[in-house]
Amino acid sequence: MKRLFPITLIALIVLNGRLSAQEETGPNLGMSQQTVTDSTNIHYTGKYCLECHEQEPQKGRGRFLKFNGDYTQLCKCHGYTTESYIHPIDIAPSEEKKARMPITYPLRNGKMTCVTCHDIYLQCQDNQRLKLINKRFLRDAPYRKRTELCIKCHDEKKYKMLNPHNQLNANGEIIVEKCLFCHEEKPDEKHATFKEVKLIGDLVMLCQRCHGERRDHPARADHIRKPSAETREIMKAGERQFNISLPLDQEGKIFCATCHNPHEKGVIPAELAGAKGGSEKFKHRLPGQMCRACHQK
């Protein structure tokens, strides 16, 4: 049976005064302001109004947004690029998608912006309870999984057909278009090393586009980090012992594909270390004992 969110969660959103993106006014901001650094999270604090507003919004007079309301500029702290973000912006949805899109998901000059999916006014107040439920202030949240938001506009049946991990056709031939979900160009699967392949963006973000954020996975620990010298030696020994590949990202950090093989079985020749795990349920490169690859004594 499909799991439902407790009524109390839904009620919490209502009780906390959700604001529509089409309203002309925000909360009573008071125009407070604090010092902002590169590590400051301005959301759900109610302290950083002047980062986005020239003055306090007033009903019937406008929002007084900076940059003429250009959300690409307003959301500049996120360092948006097409390669580093889950969904591209500044694109016009097809007529099919616009027909599915809720009217509360606004476009700007017919194109998507950050606020098409994010209710930016939801986080203008200091509301820690709502922050816990809807950290990214996504419209119509909470969701059991992020893809429930995607099918507001995308046809779920067609969406499933786009699974980038299904990389072979009925004849066992590589579907080049699937390679380009992550690669700038199709690699030479027989000879290219991981360092030689060209990827389209941040390696963690490539996975998070569909799988969502998993910084506490596995075992509630942040594995997106550089392994210690001791752990790195264990990993190298594990690669030799089990004939597997445990790649690190460009900065030498562990990332999703360190433990999970994103390729379908048959894409990489079976005799190569990079092929291991492609046929496993969770695509673990060392099935049944993945943790041993880095933590064995």
C-alpha atoms as a PDB file:
ATOM      1  CA  MET A   1       0.000   0.000   0.000  1.00  0.00           C
ATOM      2  CA  LYS A   2       1.322   3.438  -0.865  1.00  0.00           C
ATOM      3  CA  ARG A   3       2.649   5.182   2.225  1.00  0.00           C
ATOM      4  CA  LEU A   4       0.935   8.458   3.054  1.00  0.00           C
ATOM      5  CA  PHE A   5       2.373  11.377   4.957  1.00  0.00           C
ATOM      6  CA  PRO A   6       0.783  11.970   8.349  1.00  0.00           C
ATOM      7  CA  ILE A   7      -2.011  14.529   8.315  1.00  0.00           C
ATOM      8  CA  THR A   8      -0.042  16.488  10.894  1.00  0.00           C
ATOM      9  CA  LEU A   9       2.678  17.210   8.326  1.00  0.00           C
ATOM     10  CA  ILE A  10       0.192  18.552   5.828  1.00  0.00           C
ATOM     11  CA  ALA A  11      -1.551  20.554   8.523  1.00  0.00           C
ATOM     12  CA  LEU A  12       1.800  21.992   9.589  1.00  0.00           C
ATOM     13  CA  ILE A  13       2.334  23.517   6.164  1.00  0.00           C
ATOM     14  CA  VAL A  14      -1.131  25.059   6.216  1.00  0.00           C
ATOM     15  CA  LEU A  15      -0.728  26.366   9.754  1.00  0.00           C
ATOM     16  CA  ASN A  16       2.581  27.958   8.901  1.00  0.00           C
ATOM     17  CA  GLY A  17       0.922  30.253   6.374  1.00  0.00           C
ATOM     18  CA  ARG A  18       2.203  29.028   3.018  1.00  0.00           C
ATOM     19  CA  LEU A  19       2.573  31.926   0.553  1.00  0.00           C
ATOM     20  CA  SER A  20       1.800  31.707  -3.116  1.00  0.00           C
ATOM     21  CA  ALA A  21       4.429  32.723  -5.661  1.00  0.00           C
ATOM     22  CA  GLN A  22       1.756  34.761  -7.421  1.00  0.00           C
ATOM     23  CA  GLU A  23       1.009  36.966  -4.416  1.00  0.00           C
ATOM     24  CA  GLU A  24       2.272  40.511  -4.511  1.00  0.00           C
ATOM     25  CA  THR A  25       3.399  40.559  -0.922  1.00  0.00           C
ATOM     26  CA  GLY A  26       5.634  38.488   1.264  1.00  0.00           C
ATOM     27  CA  PRO A  27       5.662  38.156   5.063  1.00  0.00           C
ATOM     28  CA  ASN A  28       6.298  41.098   7.371  1.00  0.00           C
ATOM     29  CA  LEU A  29      10.027  41.118   6.753  1.00  0.00           C
ATOM     30  CA  GLY A  30      11.023  44.067   8.909  1.00  0.00           C
ATOM     31  CA  MET A  31      13.957  44.424   6.497  1.00  0.00           C
ATOM     32  CA  SER A  32      16.457  43.084   9.021  1.00  0.00           C
ATOM     33  CA  GLN A  33      19.921  42.423   7.687  1.00  0.00           C
ATOM     34  CA  GLN A  34      22.965  40.461   8.799  1.00  0.00           C
ATOM     35  CA  THR A  35      26.469  39.961   7.449  1.00  0.00           C
ATOM     36  CA  VAL A  36      26.558  37.317   4.712  1.00  0.00           C
ATOM     37  CA  THR A  37      29.543  35.080   3.996  1.00  0.00           C
ATOM     38  CA  ASP A  38      30.096  32.294   1.485  1.00  0.00           C
ATOM     39  CA  SER A  39      28.935  29.755   4.078  1.00  0.00           C
ATOM     40  CA  THR A  40      25.764  31.619   5.145  1.00  0.00           C
ATOM     41  CA  ASN A  41      22.447  29.887   4.558  1.00  0.00           C
ATOM     42  CA  ILE A  42      20.008  32.777   4.269  1.00  0.00           C
ATOM     43  CA  HIS A  43      16.895  30.605   3.992  1.00  0.00           C
ATOM     44  CA  TYR A  44      14.289  30.154   6.734  1.00  0.00           C
ATOM     45  CA  THR A  45      15.933  32.805   8.919  1.00  0.00           C
ATOM     46  CA  GLY A  46      14.029  36.055   8.252  1.00  0.00           C
ATOM     47  CA  LYS A  47      17.324  37.956   8.658  1.00  0.00           C
ATOM     48  CA  TYR A  48      18.594  38.519   5.128  1.00  0.00           C
ATOM     49  CA  CYS A  49      15.772  40.359   3.370  1.00  0.00           C
ATOM     50  CA  LEU A  50      18.078  42.859   1.646  1.00  0.00           C
ATOM     51  CA  GLU A  51      19.863  40.073  -0.206  1.00  0.00           C
ATOM     52  CA  CYS A  52      16.838  39.911  -2.513  1.00  0.00           C
ATOM     53  CA  HIS A  53      14.737  43.025  -1.813  1.00  0.00           C
ATOM     54  CA  GLU A  54      15.496  46.705  -2.276  1.00  0.00           C
ATOM     55  CA  GLN A  55      12.877  47.503   0.362  1.00  0.00           C
ATOM     56  CA  GLU A  56      10.045  45.758   2.166  1.00  0.00           C
ATOM     57  CA  PRO A  57       7.375  44.340  -0.190  1.00  0.00           C
ATOM     58  CA  GLN A  58       3.993  46.007   0.125  1.00  0.00           C
ATOM     59  CA  LYS A  59       0.638  44.733  -1.036  1.00  0.00           C
ATOM     60  CA  GLY A  60      -0.407  46.383  -4.266  1.00  0.00           C
ATOM     61  CA  ARG A  61       2.986  48.087  -4.745  1.00  0.00           C
ATOM     62  CA  GLY A  62       5.180  45.160  -5.706  1.00  0.00           C
ATOM     63  CA  ARG A  63       7.968  43.052  -4.253  1.00  0.00           C
ATOM     64  CA  PHE A  64      10.844  45.477  -4.903  1.00  0.00           C
ATOM     65  CA  LEU A  65      13.134  42.663  -5.965  1.00  0.00           C
ATOM     66  CA  LYS A  66      16.713  43.313  -6.980  1.00  0.00           C
ATOM     67  CA  PHE A  67      17.962  42.582 -10.515  1.00  0.00           C
ATOM     68  CA  ASN A  68      14.451  43.362 -11.847  1.00  0.00           C
ATOM     69  CA  GLY A  69      13.267  40.044 -10.478  1.00  0.00           C
ATOM     70  CA  ASP A  70      15.809  37.994 -12.436  1.00  0.00           C
ATOM     71  CA  TYR A  71      15.924  34.832 -10.316  1.00  0.00           C
ATOM     72  CA  THR A  72      19.121  33.633 -11.941  1.00  0.00           C
ATOM     73  CA  GLN A  73      20.769  36.630 -10.277  1.00  0.00           C
ATOM     74  CA  LEU A  74      18.745  36.452  -7.066  1.00  0.00           C
ATOM     75  CA  CYS A  75      19.742  32.806  -6.597  1.00  0.00           C
ATOM     76  CA  LYS A  76      23.378  33.514  -7.480  1.00  0.00           C
ATOM     77  CA  CYS A  77      24.727  31.932  -4.278  1.00  0.00           C
ATOM     78  CA  HIS A  78      23.956  28.507  -5.702  1.00  0.00           C
ATOM     79  CA  GLY A  79      26.408  28.997  -8.561  1.00  0.00           C
ATOM     80  CA  TYR A  80      23.866  27.843 -11.089  1.00  0.00           C
ATOM     81  CA  THR A  81      25.070  26.216 -14.260  1.00  0.00           C
ATOM     82  CA  THR A  82      23.235  23.715 -16.436  1.00  0.00           C
ATOM     83  CA  GLU A  83      25.906  21.153 -15.543  1.00  0.00           C
ATOM     84  CA  SER A  84      25.675  21.582 -11.783  1.00  0.00           C
ATOM     85  CA  TYR A  85      21.952  21.835 -11.114  1.00  0.00           C
ATOM     86  CA  ILE A  86      19.172  19.280 -11.072  1.00  0.00           C
ATOM     87  CA  HIS A  87      16.900  21.009 -13.584  1.00  0.00           C
ATOM     88  CA  PRO A  88      17.880  23.512 -16.289  1.00  0.00           C
ATOM     89  CA  ILE A  89      16.278  26.954 -16.307  1.00  0.00           C
ATOM     90  CA  ASP A  90      15.700  29.584 -18.990  1.00  0.00           C
ATOM     91  CA  ILE A  91      14.031  27.011 -21.230  1.00  0.00           C
ATOM     92  CA  ALA A  92      10.497  27.037 -22.598  1.00  0.00           C
ATOM     93  CA  PRO A  93       8.491  23.924 -21.696  1.00  0.00           C
ATOM     94  CA  SER A  94       6.861  22.093 -24.567  1.00  0.00           C
ATOM     95  CA  GLU A  95       3.127  22.496 -25.085  1.00  0.00           C
ATOM     96  CA  GLU A  96       2.662  18.973 -23.725  1.00  0.00           C
ATOM     97  CA  LYS A  97       4.459  19.857 -20.490  1.00  0.00           C
ATOM     98  CA  LYS A  98       2.712  23.212 -20.140  1.00  0.00           C
ATOM     99  CA  ALA A  99      -0.635  21.415 -20.404  1.00  0.00           C
ATOM    100  CA  ARG A 100       0.343  19.260 -17.410  1.00  0.00           C
ATOM    101  CA  MET A 101       1.992  22.024 -15.393  1.00  0.00           C
ATOM    102  CA  PRO A 102      -0.021  23.372 -12.433  1.00  0.00           C
ATOM    103  CA  ILE A 103      -1.018  27.020 -12.854  1.00  0.00           C
ATOM    104  CA  THR A 104       0.756  27.788  -9.564  1.00  0.00           C
ATOM    105  CA  TYR A 105       4.125  26.939 -11.174  1.00  0.00           C
ATOM    106  CA  PRO A 106       5.014  30.297 -12.754  1.00  0.00           C
ATOM    107  CA  LEU A 107       7.033  30.922 -15.900  1.00  0.00           C
ATOM    108  CA  ARG A 108       8.885  34.136 -16.789  1.00  0.00           C
ATOM    109  CA  ASN A 109       8.429  35.195 -20.397  1.00  0.00           C
ATOM    110  CA  GLY A 110       7.275  31.645 -21.090  1.00  0.00           C
ATOM    111  CA  LYS A 111      10.456  30.105 -19.649  1.00  0.00           C
ATOM    112  CA  MET A 112      11.336  28.215 -16.483  1.00  0.00           C
ATOM    113  CA  THR A 113      13.083  29.987 -13.618  1.00  0.00           C
ATOM    114  CA  CYS A 114      14.139  28.870 -10.154  1.00  0.00           C
ATOM    115  CA  VAL A 115      10.726  29.806  -8.744  1.00  0.00           C
ATOM    116  CA  THR A 116       8.890  27.570 -11.172  1.00  0.00           C
ATOM    117  CA  CYS A 117       9.653  24.691  -8.805  1.00  0.00           C
ATOM    118  CA  HIS A 118      10.787  26.524  -5.652  1.00  0.00           C
ATOM    119  CA  ASP A 119       8.348  28.666  -3.646  1.00  0.00           C
ATOM    120  CA  ILE A 120      10.930  31.261  -2.707  1.00  0.00           C
ATOM    121  CA  TYR A 121       8.523  33.178  -0.441  1.00  0.00           C
ATOM    122  CA  LEU A 122       7.942  30.111   1.702  1.00  0.00           C
ATOM    123  CA  GLN A 123      11.347  30.487   3.361  1.00  0.00           C
ATOM    124  CA  CYS A 124      11.321  34.232   4.037  1.00  0.00           C
ATOM    125  CA  GLN A 125      10.429  33.739   7.696  1.00  0.00           C
ATOM    126  CA  ASP A 126      12.260  32.038  10.547  1.00  0.00           C
ATOM    127  CA  ASN A 127      10.320  28.777  10.439  1.00  0.00           C
ATOM    128  CA  GLN A 128      12.440  25.849  11.559  1.00  0.00           C
ATOM    129  CA  ARG A 129       9.570  23.359  11.576  1.00  0.00           C
ATOM    130  CA  LEU A 130       8.765  24.067   7.958  1.00  0.00           C
ATOM    131  CA  LYS A 131      12.473  23.983   7.103  1.00  0.00           C
ATOM    132  CA  LEU A 132      12.627  20.447   8.495  1.00  0.00           C
ATOM    133  CA  ILE A 133       9.752  19.295   6.292  1.00  0.00           C
ATOM    134  CA  ASN A 134      10.618  21.209   3.133  1.00  0.00           C
ATOM    135  CA  LYS A 135      14.298  22.143   3.198  1.00  0.00           C
ATOM    136  CA  ARG A 136      14.395  23.083  -0.499  1.00  0.00           C
ATOM    137  CA  PHE A 137      11.030  24.930  -0.307  1.00  0.00           C
ATOM    138  CA  LEU A 138       9.706  22.899  -3.223  1.00  0.00           C
ATOM    139  CA  ARG A 139       6.181  23.623  -4.361  1.00  0.00           C
ATOM    140  CA  ASP A 140       3.486  21.301  -2.991  1.00  0.00           C
ATOM    141  CA  ALA A 141       6.002  19.532  -0.724  1.00  0.00           C
ATOM    142  CA  PRO A 142       6.564  17.369   1.243  1.00  0.00           C
ATOM    143  CA  TYR A 143       7.193  14.518  -1.196  1.00  0.00           C
ATOM    144  CA  ARG A 144       8.112  10.921  -0.482  1.00  0.00           C
ATOM    145  CA  LYS A 145      10.702  11.221  -3.242  1.00  0.00           C
ATOM    146  CA  ARG A 146      11.814  14.114  -5.400  1.00  0.00           C
ATOM    147  CA  THR A 147      10.572  12.571  -8.644  1.00  0.00           C
ATOM    148  CA  GLU A 148       6.985  13.132  -7.454  1.00  0.00           C
ATOM    149  CA  LEU A 149       7.642  16.795  -8.206  1.00  0.00           C
ATOM    150  CA  CYS A 150       9.022  15.937 -11.649  1.00  0.00           C
ATOM    151  CA  ILE A 151       5.824  14.212 -12.778  1.00  0.00           C
ATOM    152  CA  LYS A 152       3.871  17.402 -12.152  1.00  0.00           C
ATOM    153  CA  CYS A 153       5.126  18.373 -15.629  1.00  0.00           C
ATOM    154  CA  HIS A 154       6.701  15.218 -17.073  1.00  0.00           C
ATOM    155  CA  ASP A 155       4.668  12.206 -18.193  1.00  0.00           C
ATOM    156  CA  GLU A 156       5.573   9.492 -15.685  1.00  0.00           C
ATOM    157  CA  LYS A 157       5.475   6.713 -18.294  1.00  0.00           C
ATOM    158  CA  LYS A 158       7.855   8.576 -20.596  1.00  0.00           C
ATOM    159  CA  TYR A 159       9.949   9.657 -17.610  1.00  0.00           C
ATOM    160  CA  LYS A 160      10.602   6.031 -16.625  1.00  0.00           C
ATOM    161  CA  MET A 161      11.630   5.197 -20.179  1.00  0.00           C
ATOM    162  CA  LEU A 162      14.481   7.695 -19.859  1.00  0.00           C
ATOM    163  CA  ASN A 163      16.325   5.591 -17.247  1.00  0.00           C
ATOM    164  CA  PRO A 164      19.969   6.363 -18.129  1.00  0.00           C
ATOM    165  CA  HIS A 165      21.102   3.052 -16.607  1.00  0.00           C
ATOM    166  CA  ASN A 166      19.351   1.086 -19.382  1.00  0.00           C
ATOM    167  CA  GLN A 167      22.222   1.527 -21.812  1.00  0.00           C
ATOM    168  CA  LEU A 168      21.867  -1.412 -24.215  1.00  0.00           C
ATOM    169  CA  ASN A 169      19.268  -2.032 -26.912  1.00  0.00           C
ATOM    170  CA  ALA A 170      17.629  -5.372 -27.705  1.00  0.00           C
ATOM    171  CA  ASN A 171      20.677  -6.362 -29.789  1.00  0.00           C
ATOM    172  CA  GLY A 172      23.100  -5.679 -26.944  1.00  0.00           C
ATOM    173  CA  GLU A 173      24.428  -2.531 -28.605  1.00  0.00           C
ATOM    174  CA  ILE A 174      25.266   0.573 -26.587  1.00  0.00           C
ATOM    175  CA  ILE A 175      22.667   3.358 -26.855  1.00  0.00           C
ATOM    176  CA  VAL A 176      24.930   6.372 -27.355  1.00  0.00           C
ATOM    177  CA  GLU A 177      22.197   8.822 -26.304  1.00  0.00           C
ATOM    178  CA  LYS A 178      22.161   7.212 -22.854  1.00  0.00           C
ATOM    179  CA  CYS A 179      25.911   7.767 -22.504  1.00  0.00           C
ATOM    180  CA  LEU A 180      25.347  11.483 -23.055  1.00  0.00           C
ATOM    181  CA  PHE A 181      23.215  11.788 -19.925  1.00  0.00           C
ATOM    182  CA  CYS A 182      26.530  11.927 -18.044  1.00  0.00           C
ATOM    183  CA  HIS A 183      29.337  12.028 -20.627  1.00  0.00           C
ATOM    184  CA  GLU A 184      30.280  14.817 -23.025  1.00  0.00           C
ATOM    185  CA  GLU A 185      31.008  12.119 -25.578  1.00  0.00           C
ATOM    186  CA  LYS A 186      30.768   8.338 -25.628  1.00  0.00           C
ATOM    187  CA  PRO A 187      33.912   6.890 -23.988  1.00  0.00           C
ATOM    188  CA  ASP A 188      35.925   4.007 -25.371  1.00  0.00           C
ATOM    189  CA  GLU A 189      34.500   1.397 -23.001  1.00  0.00           C
ATOM    190  CA  LYS A 190      37.245  -1.106 -23.873  1.00  0.00           C
ATOM    191  CA  HIS A 191      40.282   1.072 -23.223  1.00  0.00           C
ATOM    192  CA  ALA A 192      39.473   4.425 -21.569  1.00  0.00           C
ATOM    193  CA  THR A 193      40.314   4.844 -17.887  1.00  0.00           C
ATOM    194  CA  PHE A 194      38.046   6.778 -15.524  1.00  0.00           C
ATOM    195  CA  LYS A 195      40.413   9.766 -15.564  1.00  0.00           C
ATOM    196  CA  GLU A 196      40.178   9.950 -19.354  1.00  0.00           C
ATOM    197  CA  VAL A 197      36.390  10.082 -19.719  1.00  0.00           C
ATOM    198  CA  LYS A 198      34.716  13.496 -20.073  1.00  0.00           C
ATOM    199  CA  LEU A 199      31.696  14.064 -17.814  1.00  0.00           C
ATOM    200  CA  ILE A 200      29.198  16.890 -18.211  1.00  0.00           C
ATOM    201  CA  GLY A 201      29.275  18.256 -14.663  1.00  0.00           C
ATOM    202  CA  ASP A 202      29.638  17.697 -10.942  1.00  0.00           C
ATOM    203  CA  LEU A 203      29.774  13.935 -10.369  1.00  0.00           C
ATOM    204  CA  VAL A 204      27.578  13.910  -7.264  1.00  0.00           C
ATOM    205  CA  MET A 205      25.009  16.168  -8.920  1.00  0.00           C
ATOM    206  CA  LEU A 206      24.804  13.838 -11.918  1.00  0.00           C
ATOM    207  CA  CYS A 207      23.379  11.194  -9.572  1.00  0.00           C
ATOM    208  CA  GLN A 208      21.322  13.560  -7.439  1.00  0.00           C
ATOM    209  CA  ARG A 209      19.386  14.770 -10.462  1.00  0.00           C
ATOM    210  CA  CYS A 210      17.336  11.561 -10.203  1.00  0.00           C
ATOM    211  CA  HIS A 211      18.220   9.991  -6.858  1.00  0.00           C
ATOM    212  CA  GLY A 212      18.087  13.067  -4.642  1.00  0.00           C
ATOM    213  CA  GLU A 213      20.517  14.048  -1.920  1.00  0.00           C
ATOM    214  CA  ARG A 214      22.217  11.161  -0.112  1.00  0.00           C
ATOM    215  CA  ARG A 215      24.927  12.803   1.966  1.00  0.00           C
ATOM    216  CA  ASP A 216      24.124  10.605   4.972  1.00  0.00           C
ATOM    217  CA  HIS A 217      24.276   7.388   2.975  1.00  0.00           C
ATOM    218  CA  PRO A 218      25.265   4.796   3.918  1.00  0.00           C
ATOM    219  CA  ALA A 219      24.986   4.282   7.669  1.00  0.00           C
ATOM    220  CA  ARG A 220      24.174   7.958   8.338  1.00  0.00           C
ATOM    221  CA  ALA A 221      27.705   9.045   7.484  1.00  0.00           C
ATOM    222  CA  ASP A 222      28.893  11.649   4.997  1.00  0.00           C
ATOM    223  CA  HIS A 223      30.955   9.705   2.457  1.00  0.00           C
ATOM    224  CA  ILE A 224      31.391  12.600   0.009  1.00  0.00           C
ATOM    225  CA  ARG A 225      34.890  13.328   1.284  1.00  0.00           C
ATOM    226  CA  LYS A 226      38.534  12.557   0.669  1.00  0.00           C
ATOM    227  CA  PRO A 227      39.551   9.211   2.167  1.00  0.00           C
ATOM    228  CA  SER A 228      42.406   9.243   4.639  1.00  0.00           C
ATOM    229  CA  ALA A 229      45.787   7.958   3.508  1.00  0.00           C
ATOM    230  CA  GLU A 230      45.146   4.746   5.442  1.00  0.00           C
ATOM    231  CA  THR A 231      41.734   4.253   3.862  1.00  0.00           C
ATOM    232  CA  ARG A 232      43.114   4.980   0.399  1.00  0.00           C
ATOM    233  CA  GLU A 233      45.696   2.217   0.829  1.00  0.00           C
ATOM    234  CA  ILE A 234      42.932  -0.184   1.857  1.00  0.00           C
ATOM    235  CA  MET A 235      40.947   0.805  -1.232  1.00  0.00           C
ATOM    236  CA  LYS A 236      43.924   0.178  -3.523  1.00  0.00           C
ATOM    237  CA  ALA A 237      44.475  -3.195  -1.910  1.00  0.00           C
ATOM    238  CA  GLY A 238      40.773  -4.014  -2.347  1.00  0.00           C
ATOM    239  CA  GLU A 239      40.919  -3.107  -6.020  1.00  0.00           C
ATOM    240  CA  ARG A 240      43.774  -5.545  -6.512  1.00  0.00           C
ATOM    241  CA  GLN A 241      42.294  -8.291  -4.352  1.00  0.00           C
ATOM    242  CA  PHE A 242      38.776  -8.250  -5.801  1.00  0.00           C
ATOM    243  CA  ASN A 243      39.576  -6.956  -9.323  1.00  0.00           C
ATOM    244  CA  ILE A 244      37.225  -4.009  -8.938  1.00  0.00           C
ATOM    245  CA  SER A 245      37.424  -0.280  -9.609  1.00  0.00           C
ATOM    246  CA  LEU A 246      36.829   2.264  -6.819  1.00  0.00           C
ATOM    247  CA  PRO A 247      37.110   5.602  -8.650  1.00  0.00           C
ATOM    248  CA  LEU A 248      37.386   8.969  -6.892  1.00  0.00           C
ATOM    249  CA  ASP A 249      36.200  12.276  -8.322  1.00  0.00           C
ATOM    250  CA  GLN A 250      38.398  15.000  -9.791  1.00  0.00           C
ATOM    251  CA  GLU A 251      39.221  16.292  -6.288  1.00  0.00           C
ATOM    252  CA  GLY A 252      40.099  12.868  -4.939  1.00  0.00           C
ATOM    253  CA  LYS A 253      36.807  12.490  -3.062  1.00  0.00           C
ATOM    254  CA  ILE A 254      34.584   9.462  -2.688  1.00  0.00           C
ATOM    255  CA  PHE A 255      31.354   9.926  -4.645  1.00  0.00           C
ATOM    256  CA  CYS A 256      28.349   7.825  -5.633  1.00  0.00           C
ATOM    257  CA  ALA A 257      30.104   5.836  -8.360  1.00  0.00           C
ATOM    258  CA  THR A 258      32.950   4.908  -6.023  1.00  0.00           C
ATOM    259  CA  CYS A 259      30.670   2.224  -4.605  1.00  0.00           C
ATOM    260  CA  HIS A 260      27.940   1.956  -7.283  1.00  0.00           C
ATOM    261  CA  ASN A 261      28.567   1.041 -10.910  1.00  0.00           C
ATOM    262  CA  PRO A 262      26.299   3.267 -13.021  1.00  0.00           C
ATOM    263  CA  HIS A 263      26.705   1.108 -16.140  1.00  0.00           C
ATOM    264  CA  GLU A 264      24.462  -1.700 -17.292  1.00  0.00           C
ATOM    265  CA  LYS A 265      26.009  -5.171 -17.446  1.00  0.00           C
ATOM    266  CA  GLY A 266      27.555  -5.621 -20.878  1.00  0.00           C
ATOM    267  CA  VAL A 267      28.545  -2.009 -21.487  1.00  0.00           C
ATOM    268  CA  ILE A 268      32.059  -2.477 -20.100  1.00  0.00           C
ATOM    269  CA  PRO A 269      33.764  -5.769 -21.068  1.00  0.00           C
ATOM    270  CA  ALA A 270      33.302  -8.318 -18.272  1.00  0.00           C
ATOM    271  CA  GLU A 271      37.021  -8.953 -17.802  1.00  0.00           C
ATOM    272  CA  LEU A 272      37.699  -5.336 -16.851  1.00  0.00           C
ATOM    273  CA  ALA A 273      37.594  -4.159 -13.237  1.00  0.00           C
ATOM    274  CA  GLY A 274      35.199  -1.353 -14.141  1.00  0.00           C
ATOM    275  CA  ALA A 275      32.513  -3.867 -15.140  1.00  0.00           C
ATOM    276  CA  LYS A 276      32.030  -5.351 -11.677  1.00  0.00           C
ATOM    277  CA  GLY A 277      28.683  -4.616 -10.048  1.00  0.00           C
ATOM    278  CA  GLY A 278      26.813  -3.701 -13.218  1.00  0.00           C
ATOM    279  CA  SER A 279      24.398  -6.621 -12.854  1.00  0.00           C
ATOM    280  CA  GLU A 280      23.814  -6.301  -9.100  1.00  0.00           C
ATOM    281  CA  LYS A 281      20.553  -5.050  -7.554  1.00  0.00           C
ATOM    282  CA  PHE A 282      22.180  -2.035  -5.925  1.00  0.00           C
ATOM    283  CA  LYS A 283      25.034  -1.962  -8.444  1.00  0.00           C
ATOM    284  CA  HIS A 284      27.569  -2.422  -5.661  1.00  0.00           C
ATOM    285  CA  ARG A 285      31.067  -2.862  -7.034  1.00  0.00           C
ATOM    286  CA  LEU A 286      31.751  -5.392  -4.280  1.00  0.00           C
ATOM    287  CA  PRO A 287      28.366  -7.101  -3.805  1.00  0.00           C
ATOM    288  CA  GLY A 288      27.467  -8.220  -0.301  1.00  0.00           C
ATOM    289  CA  GLN A 289      30.540  -6.700   1.292  1.00  0.00           C
ATOM    290  CA  MET A 290      30.816  -3.205  -0.117  1.00  0.00           C
ATOM    291  CA  CYS A 291      32.047  -1.705   3.145  1.00  0.00           C
ATOM    292  CA  ARG A 292      35.050  -4.039   3.139  1.00  0.00           C
ATOM    293  CA  ALA A 293      36.417  -2.288   0.082  1.00  0.00           C
ATOM    294  CA  CYS A 294      37.415   0.676   2.273  1.00  0.00           C
ATOM    295  CA  HIS A 295      37.133  -0.468   5.872  1.00  0.00           C
ATOM    296  CA  GLN A 296      38.619  -3.950   5.969  1.00  0.00           C
ATOM    297  CA  LYS A 297      41.416  -4.448   8.495  1.00  0.00           C
END
